[in-house]
C-alpha cells in the first residue's frame, strides 16, 4: 500500500527465493496517495506498477488482465484487512514477533482473535518469532 511505501520505504525485491515465473517479480503498490519519486520501490531493481485503486478485487482483476496469476501480498494491517474482508486471501503466512512495536491500525478488530478467523495449519519457530501458516475461514457477518 502507499502508506507502507511512505512510512517504511521498502524495496520489495525478491531475495533468497525462486519464483514461479522467469524474470523479476512485478512490484505493485496500491492506494490513492502519491508515491514519492525518491521511493526505493521506484528504482530499477524490478518493474513497479502503481495503481491508484483501493478495491482489492479491482486490483486483482487488473493484474489478471495483465497475465499475472500469482500474487504475494506483503502488506500492512490496513491493506491486509481490505484483502481479507474482500475474500481475496487464499493462504496467510503470519509472522508473530516476540516484541510488539509501535501503534496504529490492526489487521484484527478489537476483541477479535486470530483463531476465530483462520485455521492454523503449520507453525515454525524462527528464533524468538513464530511463523504461522493459516487458511482463512469465511468472514462471519452480523445476522448470518
N, C-alpha and C. Protein backbone atom coordinates (compact mmCIF):
# COMPACT_ATOMS: atom_id res chain seq x y z
N UNK A 1 0.81 -1.19 0.00
CA UNK A 1 0.00 0.00 0.00
C UNK A 1 0.86 1.25 0.00
N UNK A 2 0.25 2.35 -0.41
CA UNK A 2 1.00 3.61 -0.43
C UNK A 2 1.43 4.02 0.97
N UNK A 3 0.65 3.70 1.99
CA UNK A 3 1.02 4.04 3.36
C UNK A 3 2.33 3.39 3.77
N UNK A 4 2.49 2.10 3.45
CA UNK A 4 3.72 1.39 3.77
C UNK A 4 4.89 1.97 3.00
N UNK A 5 4.68 2.30 1.74
CA UNK A 5 5.76 2.89 0.93
C UNK A 5 6.20 4.21 1.53
N UNK A 6 5.26 5.04 1.95
CA UNK A 6 5.59 6.34 2.51
C UNK A 6 6.28 6.20 3.87
N UNK A 7 5.77 5.29 4.71
CA UNK A 7 6.32 5.16 6.08
C UNK A 7 7.62 4.36 6.14
N UNK A 8 7.70 3.24 5.39
CA UNK A 8 8.82 2.31 5.53
C UNK A 8 9.82 2.35 4.38
N UNK A 9 9.43 2.88 3.23
CA UNK A 9 10.28 2.93 2.04
C UNK A 9 10.90 1.56 1.71
N UNK A 10 10.07 0.51 1.55
CA UNK A 10 10.61 -0.82 1.25
C UNK A 10 11.06 -0.92 -0.21
N UNK A 11 11.97 -1.86 -0.47
CA UNK A 11 12.38 -2.09 -1.86
C UNK A 11 11.51 -3.15 -2.52
N UNK A 12 10.93 -4.05 -1.72
CA UNK A 12 10.05 -5.12 -2.21
C UNK A 12 10.65 -5.91 -3.37
N UNK A 13 11.90 -6.28 -3.20
CA UNK A 13 12.53 -7.15 -4.19
C UNK A 13 12.60 -8.56 -3.62
N UNK A 14 12.66 -9.54 -4.51
CA UNK A 14 12.74 -10.94 -4.10
C UNK A 14 14.19 -11.29 -3.83
N UNK A 15 14.43 -11.84 -2.65
CA UNK A 15 15.79 -12.25 -2.28
C UNK A 15 15.71 -13.65 -1.70
N UNK A 16 16.70 -14.47 -2.01
CA UNK A 16 16.82 -15.82 -1.43
C UNK A 16 15.61 -16.70 -1.71
N UNK A 17 15.01 -16.58 -2.88
CA UNK A 17 13.85 -17.41 -3.22
C UNK A 17 13.79 -17.58 -4.73
N UNK A 18 13.19 -18.65 -5.16
CA UNK A 18 12.94 -18.84 -6.58
C UNK A 18 11.48 -18.48 -6.86
N UNK A 19 11.26 -17.96 -8.03
CA UNK A 19 9.92 -17.51 -8.40
C UNK A 19 9.27 -18.50 -9.36
N UNK A 20 7.92 -18.55 -9.34
CA UNK A 20 7.23 -19.42 -10.29
C UNK A 20 7.22 -18.86 -11.71
N UNK A 21 7.84 -17.70 -11.90
CA UNK A 21 7.93 -17.07 -13.22
C UNK A 21 9.37 -16.68 -13.47
N UNK A 22 9.72 -16.46 -14.73
CA UNK A 22 11.08 -16.02 -15.03
C UNK A 22 11.14 -14.50 -14.95
N UNK A 23 12.30 -14.00 -14.63
CA UNK A 23 12.49 -12.57 -14.54
C UNK A 23 12.09 -12.04 -13.17
N UNK A 24 12.33 -10.75 -12.94
CA UNK A 24 12.00 -10.17 -11.64
C UNK A 24 10.49 -10.08 -11.44
N UNK A 25 10.09 -10.16 -10.19
CA UNK A 25 8.67 -10.02 -9.84
C UNK A 25 8.23 -8.57 -10.05
N UNK A 26 7.01 -8.41 -10.44
CA UNK A 26 6.42 -7.07 -10.57
C UNK A 26 6.03 -6.58 -9.19
N UNK A 27 6.53 -5.42 -8.80
CA UNK A 27 6.14 -4.81 -7.54
C UNK A 27 4.91 -3.95 -7.82
N UNK A 28 3.88 -4.15 -7.01
CA UNK A 28 2.64 -3.41 -7.20
C UNK A 28 2.33 -2.63 -5.93
N UNK A 29 2.05 -1.36 -6.09
CA UNK A 29 1.65 -0.51 -4.98
C UNK A 29 0.23 -0.04 -5.28
N UNK A 30 -0.63 -0.15 -4.27
CA UNK A 30 -2.00 0.33 -4.48
C UNK A 30 -2.38 1.33 -3.41
N UNK A 31 -3.19 2.28 -3.79
CA UNK A 31 -3.66 3.30 -2.86
C UNK A 31 -3.81 4.62 -3.57
N UNK A 32 -4.43 5.54 -2.90
CA UNK A 32 -4.73 6.82 -3.54
C UNK A 32 -3.67 7.89 -3.31
N UNK A 33 -2.82 7.70 -2.30
CA UNK A 33 -1.79 8.71 -2.03
C UNK A 33 -0.67 8.59 -3.06
N UNK A 34 -0.06 9.71 -3.42
CA UNK A 34 1.05 9.65 -4.39
C UNK A 34 2.28 8.99 -3.76
N UNK A 35 3.01 8.24 -4.58
CA UNK A 35 4.25 7.61 -4.15
C UNK A 35 5.38 8.61 -4.38
N UNK A 36 6.15 8.94 -3.32
CA UNK A 36 7.26 9.89 -3.52
C UNK A 36 8.23 9.41 -4.60
N UNK A 37 8.69 10.33 -5.42
CA UNK A 37 9.60 10.00 -6.53
C UNK A 37 10.91 9.38 -6.06
N UNK A 38 11.27 9.60 -4.81
CA UNK A 38 12.53 9.07 -4.28
C UNK A 38 12.35 7.69 -3.62
N UNK A 39 11.17 7.11 -3.70
CA UNK A 39 10.90 5.82 -3.05
C UNK A 39 11.76 4.71 -3.64
N UNK A 40 12.25 3.84 -2.76
CA UNK A 40 13.08 2.70 -3.20
C UNK A 40 12.32 1.82 -4.18
N UNK A 41 11.03 1.75 -4.05
CA UNK A 41 10.23 0.88 -4.92
C UNK A 41 10.23 1.36 -6.37
N UNK A 42 10.66 2.58 -6.61
CA UNK A 42 10.71 3.11 -7.97
C UNK A 42 12.09 2.99 -8.59
N UNK A 43 13.00 2.26 -7.93
CA UNK A 43 14.33 2.08 -8.52
C UNK A 43 14.24 1.08 -9.68
N UNK A 44 15.37 0.75 -10.28
CA UNK A 44 15.36 -0.15 -11.44
C UNK A 44 15.66 -1.61 -11.07
N UNK A 45 15.54 -1.97 -9.78
CA UNK A 45 15.79 -3.35 -9.35
C UNK A 45 14.72 -4.31 -9.84
N UNK A 46 13.53 -3.82 -10.10
CA UNK A 46 12.43 -4.64 -10.60
C UNK A 46 11.36 -3.70 -11.14
N UNK A 47 10.52 -4.18 -12.04
CA UNK A 47 9.45 -3.31 -12.55
C UNK A 47 8.44 -3.02 -11.44
N UNK A 48 7.84 -1.83 -11.50
CA UNK A 48 6.87 -1.41 -10.49
C UNK A 48 5.63 -0.86 -11.17
N UNK A 49 4.49 -1.24 -10.64
CA UNK A 49 3.20 -0.76 -11.12
C UNK A 49 2.52 -0.07 -9.95
N UNK A 50 2.13 1.18 -10.12
CA UNK A 50 1.40 1.92 -9.09
C UNK A 50 -0.05 2.04 -9.57
N UNK A 51 -0.97 1.48 -8.77
CA UNK A 51 -2.39 1.52 -9.11
C UNK A 51 -3.10 2.41 -8.10
N UNK A 52 -3.75 3.45 -8.59
CA UNK A 52 -4.46 4.38 -7.71
C UNK A 52 -5.86 3.82 -7.47
N UNK A 53 -5.89 2.71 -6.79
CA UNK A 53 -7.12 1.94 -6.56
C UNK A 53 -7.09 1.44 -5.13
N UNK A 54 -8.25 1.32 -4.50
CA UNK A 54 -8.32 0.80 -3.13
C UNK A 54 -9.12 -0.49 -3.04
N UNK A 55 -9.72 -0.92 -4.13
CA UNK A 55 -10.55 -2.12 -4.13
C UNK A 55 -9.69 -3.34 -4.48
N UNK A 56 -9.49 -4.26 -3.53
CA UNK A 56 -8.65 -5.44 -3.81
C UNK A 56 -9.11 -6.26 -5.01
N UNK A 57 -10.41 -6.46 -5.16
CA UNK A 57 -10.91 -7.25 -6.30
C UNK A 57 -10.58 -6.56 -7.62
N UNK A 58 -10.70 -5.24 -7.67
CA UNK A 58 -10.38 -4.50 -8.89
C UNK A 58 -8.89 -4.62 -9.22
N UNK A 59 -8.05 -4.55 -8.20
CA UNK A 59 -6.60 -4.70 -8.42
C UNK A 59 -6.30 -6.09 -8.95
N UNK A 60 -6.89 -7.11 -8.37
CA UNK A 60 -6.64 -8.48 -8.84
C UNK A 60 -7.15 -8.68 -10.26
N UNK A 61 -8.28 -8.08 -10.60
CA UNK A 61 -8.78 -8.16 -11.99
C UNK A 61 -7.79 -7.50 -12.95
N UNK A 62 -7.27 -6.35 -12.56
CA UNK A 62 -6.29 -5.63 -13.38
C UNK A 62 -5.05 -6.50 -13.58
N UNK A 63 -4.53 -7.07 -12.50
CA UNK A 63 -3.33 -7.91 -12.61
C UNK A 63 -3.61 -9.15 -13.46
N UNK A 64 -4.77 -9.74 -13.32
CA UNK A 64 -5.14 -10.92 -14.12
C UNK A 64 -5.16 -10.55 -15.61
N UNK A 65 -5.72 -9.39 -15.91
CA UNK A 65 -5.77 -8.93 -17.31
C UNK A 65 -4.36 -8.72 -17.87
N UNK A 66 -3.39 -8.46 -17.02
CA UNK A 66 -2.00 -8.28 -17.44
C UNK A 66 -1.26 -9.61 -17.50
N UNK A 67 -1.95 -10.72 -17.22
CA UNK A 67 -1.34 -12.04 -17.29
C UNK A 67 -0.71 -12.51 -15.99
N UNK A 68 -0.94 -11.80 -14.92
CA UNK A 68 -0.35 -12.18 -13.62
C UNK A 68 -1.27 -13.17 -12.92
N UNK A 69 -0.71 -14.32 -12.56
CA UNK A 69 -1.51 -15.40 -11.95
C UNK A 69 -1.10 -15.73 -10.53
N UNK A 70 0.02 -15.18 -10.05
CA UNK A 70 0.49 -15.43 -8.69
C UNK A 70 0.73 -14.09 -8.01
N UNK A 71 0.15 -13.91 -6.83
CA UNK A 71 0.30 -12.66 -6.09
C UNK A 71 0.70 -12.96 -4.66
N UNK A 72 1.75 -12.31 -4.20
CA UNK A 72 2.15 -12.36 -2.81
C UNK A 72 1.83 -10.98 -2.24
N UNK A 73 0.93 -10.94 -1.29
CA UNK A 73 0.55 -9.68 -0.67
C UNK A 73 1.42 -9.47 0.56
N UNK A 74 2.35 -8.54 0.47
CA UNK A 74 3.17 -8.17 1.61
C UNK A 74 2.64 -6.83 2.05
N UNK A 75 1.81 -6.85 3.12
CA UNK A 75 1.01 -5.68 3.42
C UNK A 75 1.03 -5.32 4.89
N UNK A 76 0.71 -4.07 5.13
CA UNK A 76 0.44 -3.62 6.48
C UNK A 76 -0.98 -4.00 6.86
N UNK A 77 -1.41 -3.65 8.06
CA UNK A 77 -2.71 -4.10 8.55
C UNK A 77 -3.90 -3.57 7.76
N UNK A 78 -3.83 -2.36 7.25
CA UNK A 78 -4.96 -1.79 6.52
C UNK A 78 -5.20 -2.53 5.22
N UNK A 79 -4.15 -2.74 4.45
CA UNK A 79 -4.28 -3.44 3.17
C UNK A 79 -4.62 -4.91 3.38
N UNK A 80 -3.98 -5.54 4.37
CA UNK A 80 -4.29 -6.93 4.66
C UNK A 80 -5.77 -7.09 5.00
N UNK A 81 -6.28 -6.24 5.86
CA UNK A 81 -7.70 -6.34 6.25
C UNK A 81 -8.61 -6.13 5.04
N UNK A 82 -8.25 -5.19 4.16
CA UNK A 82 -9.08 -4.95 2.96
C UNK A 82 -9.13 -6.19 2.08
N UNK A 83 -8.00 -6.83 1.84
CA UNK A 83 -7.98 -8.05 1.02
C UNK A 83 -8.73 -9.18 1.72
N UNK A 84 -8.53 -9.29 3.02
CA UNK A 84 -9.16 -10.34 3.80
C UNK A 84 -10.69 -10.20 3.76
N UNK A 85 -11.17 -8.98 4.03
CA UNK A 85 -12.62 -8.76 4.05
C UNK A 85 -13.24 -8.87 2.66
N UNK A 86 -12.45 -8.66 1.62
CA UNK A 86 -12.95 -8.82 0.25
C UNK A 86 -12.93 -10.28 -0.19
N UNK A 87 -12.44 -11.16 0.69
CA UNK A 87 -12.37 -12.59 0.35
C UNK A 87 -11.27 -12.90 -0.64
N UNK A 88 -10.22 -12.10 -0.66
CA UNK A 88 -9.14 -12.24 -1.64
C UNK A 88 -7.87 -12.84 -1.06
N UNK A 89 -7.96 -13.54 0.06
CA UNK A 89 -6.79 -14.18 0.67
C UNK A 89 -7.01 -15.68 0.65
N UNK A 90 -6.10 -16.41 -0.03
CA UNK A 90 -6.19 -17.87 -0.11
C UNK A 90 -5.42 -18.54 1.03
N UNK A 91 -4.30 -17.94 1.41
CA UNK A 91 -3.44 -18.51 2.43
C UNK A 91 -2.72 -17.36 3.12
N UNK A 92 -2.47 -17.52 4.40
CA UNK A 92 -1.85 -16.47 5.18
C UNK A 92 -0.61 -17.01 5.86
N UNK A 93 0.51 -16.32 5.70
CA UNK A 93 1.74 -16.62 6.43
C UNK A 93 1.96 -15.44 7.36
N UNK A 94 1.72 -15.64 8.64
CA UNK A 94 1.70 -14.56 9.61
C UNK A 94 2.90 -14.73 10.53
N UNK A 95 3.79 -13.74 10.52
CA UNK A 95 4.96 -13.77 11.39
C UNK A 95 4.61 -13.05 12.68
N UNK A 96 4.63 -13.78 13.78
CA UNK A 96 4.32 -13.21 15.08
C UNK A 96 5.65 -12.92 15.78
N UNK A 97 5.94 -11.65 15.98
CA UNK A 97 7.20 -11.24 16.58
C UNK A 97 7.16 -11.37 18.09
N UNK A 98 8.31 -11.63 18.67
CA UNK A 98 8.42 -11.74 20.12
C UNK A 98 8.26 -10.40 20.81
N UNK A 99 8.35 -9.30 20.05
CA UNK A 99 8.22 -7.96 20.60
C UNK A 99 7.20 -7.20 19.76
N UNK A 100 6.27 -6.53 20.41
CA UNK A 100 5.28 -5.72 19.71
C UNK A 100 5.80 -4.30 19.62
N UNK A 101 5.94 -3.77 18.42
CA UNK A 101 6.48 -2.43 18.23
C UNK A 101 5.41 -1.50 17.68
N UNK A 102 5.38 -0.29 18.17
CA UNK A 102 4.54 0.75 17.60
C UNK A 102 3.07 0.62 17.91
N UNK A 103 2.33 1.53 17.31
CA UNK A 103 0.89 1.57 17.46
C UNK A 103 0.31 1.92 16.10
N UNK A 104 -0.98 1.81 15.98
CA UNK A 104 -1.61 2.15 14.71
C UNK A 104 -2.69 1.16 14.39
N UNK A 105 -3.08 1.09 13.12
CA UNK A 105 -4.17 0.18 12.75
C UNK A 105 -3.76 -1.28 12.95
N UNK A 106 -4.75 -2.11 13.17
CA UNK A 106 -4.51 -3.53 13.37
C UNK A 106 -5.28 -4.33 12.32
N UNK A 107 -4.73 -5.47 11.93
CA UNK A 107 -5.40 -6.32 10.95
C UNK A 107 -6.65 -6.95 11.54
N UNK A 108 -6.66 -7.17 12.85
CA UNK A 108 -7.82 -7.73 13.53
C UNK A 108 -8.52 -6.63 14.32
N UNK A 109 -9.82 -6.68 14.35
CA UNK A 109 -10.59 -5.68 15.09
C UNK A 109 -10.41 -5.90 16.59
N UNK A 110 -10.63 -4.87 17.41
CA UNK A 110 -10.52 -5.05 18.86
C UNK A 110 -11.41 -6.20 19.33
N UNK A 111 -10.84 -7.07 20.14
CA UNK A 111 -11.58 -8.22 20.66
C UNK A 111 -11.62 -9.41 19.72
N UNK A 112 -11.18 -9.23 18.49
CA UNK A 112 -11.19 -10.32 17.52
C UNK A 112 -9.93 -11.16 17.71
N UNK A 113 -10.08 -12.47 17.62
CA UNK A 113 -8.95 -13.37 17.81
C UNK A 113 -8.55 -14.00 16.48
N UNK A 114 -7.25 -14.20 16.30
CA UNK A 114 -6.75 -14.81 15.08
C UNK A 114 -7.37 -16.18 14.85
N UNK A 115 -7.48 -16.98 15.91
CA UNK A 115 -8.00 -18.33 15.73
C UNK A 115 -9.50 -18.34 15.46
N UNK A 116 -10.18 -17.20 15.56
CA UNK A 116 -11.58 -17.10 15.14
C UNK A 116 -11.67 -16.81 13.64
N UNK A 117 -10.56 -16.42 13.02
CA UNK A 117 -10.55 -16.01 11.62
C UNK A 117 -9.85 -16.99 10.69
N UNK A 118 -8.99 -17.86 11.27
CA UNK A 118 -8.19 -18.76 10.43
C UNK A 118 -8.09 -20.14 11.05
N UNK A 119 -7.77 -21.11 10.20
CA UNK A 119 -7.34 -22.43 10.65
C UNK A 119 -5.83 -22.44 10.54
N UNK A 120 -5.15 -22.59 11.67
CA UNK A 120 -3.69 -22.62 11.66
C UNK A 120 -3.27 -24.03 11.25
N UNK A 121 -2.56 -24.14 10.12
CA UNK A 121 -2.18 -25.44 9.57
C UNK A 121 -0.75 -25.83 9.89
N UNK A 122 0.12 -24.85 10.13
CA UNK A 122 1.53 -25.13 10.46
C UNK A 122 2.07 -24.01 11.32
N UNK A 123 3.04 -24.35 12.17
CA UNK A 123 3.78 -23.33 12.91
C UNK A 123 5.27 -23.66 12.81
N UNK A 124 6.08 -22.62 12.74
CA UNK A 124 7.53 -22.78 12.68
C UNK A 124 8.17 -21.74 13.59
N UNK A 125 9.05 -22.17 14.48
CA UNK A 125 9.81 -21.24 15.30
C UNK A 125 10.92 -20.64 14.45
N UNK A 126 11.06 -19.34 14.51
CA UNK A 126 12.13 -18.62 13.81
C UNK A 126 12.82 -17.74 14.84
N UNK A 127 13.74 -18.32 15.59
CA UNK A 127 14.36 -17.58 16.69
C UNK A 127 13.30 -17.31 17.75
N UNK A 128 13.13 -16.04 18.10
CA UNK A 128 12.12 -15.66 19.09
C UNK A 128 10.75 -15.44 18.46
N UNK A 129 10.67 -15.53 17.15
CA UNK A 129 9.42 -15.30 16.44
C UNK A 129 8.78 -16.64 16.05
N UNK A 130 7.52 -16.57 15.65
CA UNK A 130 6.81 -17.77 15.19
C UNK A 130 6.13 -17.44 13.87
N UNK A 131 6.30 -18.32 12.88
CA UNK A 131 5.63 -18.17 11.60
C UNK A 131 4.42 -19.11 11.59
N UNK A 132 3.25 -18.55 11.36
CA UNK A 132 2.01 -19.32 11.29
C UNK A 132 1.57 -19.42 9.84
N UNK A 133 1.28 -20.62 9.39
CA UNK A 133 0.67 -20.81 8.06
C UNK A 133 -0.80 -21.08 8.33
N UNK A 134 -1.66 -20.28 7.73
CA UNK A 134 -3.09 -20.32 8.04
C UNK A 134 -3.93 -20.32 6.78
N UNK A 135 -5.12 -20.90 6.91
CA UNK A 135 -6.13 -20.82 5.86
C UNK A 135 -7.29 -20.00 6.41
N UNK A 136 -7.64 -18.90 5.75
CA UNK A 136 -8.72 -18.05 6.25
C UNK A 136 -10.07 -18.77 6.26
N UNK A 137 -10.84 -18.52 7.31
CA UNK A 137 -12.22 -19.01 7.38
C UNK A 137 -13.12 -17.92 6.80
N UNK A 138 -14.29 -18.31 6.33
CA UNK A 138 -15.21 -17.28 5.83
C UNK A 138 -15.51 -16.25 6.91
N UNK A 139 -15.64 -15.01 6.49
CA UNK A 139 -15.94 -13.93 7.44
C UNK A 139 -17.39 -14.04 7.87
N UNK A 140 -17.59 -14.02 9.18
CA UNK A 140 -18.94 -14.08 9.73
C UNK A 140 -19.49 -12.67 9.83
N UNK A 141 -20.56 -12.41 9.14
CA UNK A 141 -21.21 -11.11 9.17
C UNK A 141 -22.31 -11.16 10.23
N UNK A 142 -22.60 -10.00 10.85
CA UNK A 142 -23.68 -9.95 11.84
C UNK A 142 -24.97 -10.36 11.16
N UNK A 143 -25.74 -11.18 11.86
CA UNK A 143 -27.01 -11.63 11.33
C UNK A 143 -26.91 -12.84 10.41
N UNK A 144 -25.67 -13.35 10.21
CA UNK A 144 -25.54 -14.52 9.32
C UNK A 144 -24.98 -15.69 10.08
